[in-house]
Amino acid sequence: MNPILLNYELLFNEKKKKKITEIIIKAIVKSKKILSTRELINFIYEIIVPSNIDDFDISFSNIQYMDF
């Protein structure tokens, strides 16, 4: 199974959404910094795409069941 797709689907879990939101808020409060849109998008990307993505055989056949 495609790890990117699995991680993306996990983000729809309400508990996980809440935890990610808490982490972002803690980071903002602790560092007293406003996140840019780019930093937020990069954070989400790092959650979804594993750092060792090159080790996986990812092809379009892994997502054929999705309706486009």
C-alpha atoms as a PDB file:
ATOM      1  CA  MET A   1       0.000   0.000   0.000  1.00  0.00           C
ATOM      2  CA  ASN A   2       1.114   3.512  -0.709  1.00  0.00           C
ATOM      3  CA  PRO A   3       2.445   5.105   2.532  1.00  0.00           C
ATOM      4  CA  ILE A   4       1.570   8.608   1.350  1.00  0.00           C
ATOM      5  CA  LEU A   5      -2.049   7.642   0.813  1.00  0.00           C
ATOM      6  CA  LEU A   6      -2.225   5.897   4.185  1.00  0.00           C
ATOM      7  CA  ASN A   7      -0.778   8.919   5.989  1.00  0.00           C
ATOM      8  CA  TYR A   8      -3.155  11.231   4.149  1.00  0.00           C
ATOM      9  CA  GLU A   9      -6.135   9.113   5.185  1.00  0.00           C
ATOM     10  CA  LEU A  10      -4.926   9.164   8.797  1.00  0.00           C
ATOM     11  CA  LEU A  11      -5.249  12.946   8.788  1.00  0.00           C
ATOM     12  CA  PHE A  12      -9.030  12.537   8.525  1.00  0.00           C
ATOM     13  CA  ASN A  13      -9.119  10.965  11.991  1.00  0.00           C
ATOM     14  CA  GLU A  14     -10.529  13.584  14.392  1.00  0.00           C
ATOM     15  CA  LYS A  15      -8.168  12.642  17.246  1.00  0.00           C
ATOM     16  CA  LYS A  16      -5.148  12.983  15.008  1.00  0.00           C
ATOM     17  CA  LYS A  17      -6.355  16.334  13.634  1.00  0.00           C
ATOM     18  CA  LYS A  18      -6.742  17.620  17.168  1.00  0.00           C
ATOM     19  CA  LYS A  19      -3.278  16.394  18.201  1.00  0.00           C
ATOM     20  CA  ILE A  20      -1.618  17.977  15.165  1.00  0.00           C
ATOM     21  CA  THR A  21      -3.404  21.245  15.923  1.00  0.00           C
ATOM     22  CA  GLU A  22      -2.162  21.083  19.524  1.00  0.00           C
ATOM     23  CA  ILE A  23       1.409  20.503  18.335  1.00  0.00           C
ATOM     24  CA  ILE A  24       1.233  23.504  16.012  1.00  0.00           C
ATOM     25  CA  ILE A  25      -0.188  25.722  18.758  1.00  0.00           C
ATOM     26  CA  LYS A  26       2.485  24.582  21.231  1.00  0.00           C
ATOM     27  CA  ALA A  27       5.203  25.336  18.677  1.00  0.00           C
ATOM     28  CA  ILE A  28       3.809  28.811  18.067  1.00  0.00           C
ATOM     29  CA  VAL A  29       3.453  29.615  21.779  1.00  0.00           C
ATOM     30  CA  LYS A  30       6.782  28.090  22.822  1.00  0.00           C
ATOM     31  CA  SER A  31       8.857  29.768  20.118  1.00  0.00           C
ATOM     32  CA  LYS A  32       6.719  32.934  20.106  1.00  0.00           C
ATOM     33  CA  LYS A  33       6.689  32.790  16.347  1.00  0.00           C
ATOM     34  CA  ILE A  34       4.018  33.159  13.715  1.00  0.00           C
ATOM     35  CA  LEU A  35       4.176  30.342  11.176  1.00  0.00           C
ATOM     36  CA  SER A  36       4.218  31.291   7.556  1.00  0.00           C
ATOM     37  CA  THR A  37       1.967  29.502   5.121  1.00  0.00           C
ATOM     38  CA  ARG A  38       5.030  27.798   3.626  1.00  0.00           C
ATOM     39  CA  GLU A  39       6.152  26.495   7.033  1.00  0.00           C
ATOM     40  CA  LEU A  40       2.703  25.109   7.729  1.00  0.00           C
ATOM     41  CA  ILE A  41       2.502  23.413   4.339  1.00  0.00           C
ATOM     42  CA  ASN A  42       5.980  21.940   4.813  1.00  0.00           C
ATOM     43  CA  PHE A  43       4.957  20.599   8.227  1.00  0.00           C
ATOM     44  CA  ILE A  44       1.910  18.859   6.737  1.00  0.00           C
ATOM     45  CA  TYR A  45       4.030  17.512   3.875  1.00  0.00           C
ATOM     46  CA  GLU A  46       6.508  16.044   6.361  1.00  0.00           C
ATOM     47  CA  ILE A  47       3.644  14.332   8.167  1.00  0.00           C
ATOM     48  CA  ILE A  48       2.244  12.811   4.978  1.00  0.00           C
ATOM     49  CA  VAL A  49       5.387  11.913   3.014  1.00  0.00           C
ATOM     50  CA  PRO A  50       7.862   9.608   4.781  1.00  0.00           C
ATOM     51  CA  SER A  51      11.510  10.662   4.725  1.00  0.00           C
ATOM     52  CA  ASN A  52      12.501   7.324   3.176  1.00  0.00           C
ATOM     53  CA  ILE A  53       9.959   7.564   0.341  1.00  0.00           C
ATOM     54  CA  ASP A  54      12.547   6.362  -2.196  1.00  0.00           C
ATOM     55  CA  ASP A  55      12.515   2.942  -0.511  1.00  0.00           C
ATOM     56  CA  PHE A  56       8.879   2.365  -1.481  1.00  0.00           C
ATOM     57  CA  ASP A  57       7.564   1.157  -4.809  1.00  0.00           C
ATOM     58  CA  ILE A  58       4.913   3.756  -5.489  1.00  0.00           C
ATOM     59  CA  SER A  59       2.922   3.578  -8.660  1.00  0.00           C
ATOM     60  CA  PHE A  60      -0.432   4.808  -9.801  1.00  0.00           C
ATOM     61  CA  SER A  61      -1.806   1.291  -9.428  1.00  0.00           C
ATOM     62  CA  ASN A  62      -1.773   1.843  -5.663  1.00  0.00           C
ATOM     63  CA  ILE A  63      -4.452   4.528  -5.907  1.00  0.00           C
ATOM     64  CA  GLN A  64      -6.697   3.052  -8.595  1.00  0.00           C
ATOM     65  CA  TYR A  65      -9.535   2.485  -6.154  1.00  0.00           C
ATOM     66  CA  MET A  66      -9.955   6.230  -5.618  1.00  0.00           C
ATOM     67  CA  ASP A  67     -12.665   8.023  -7.559  1.00  0.00           C
ATOM     68  CA  PHE A  68     -11.445  11.071  -9.418  1.00  0.00           C
END
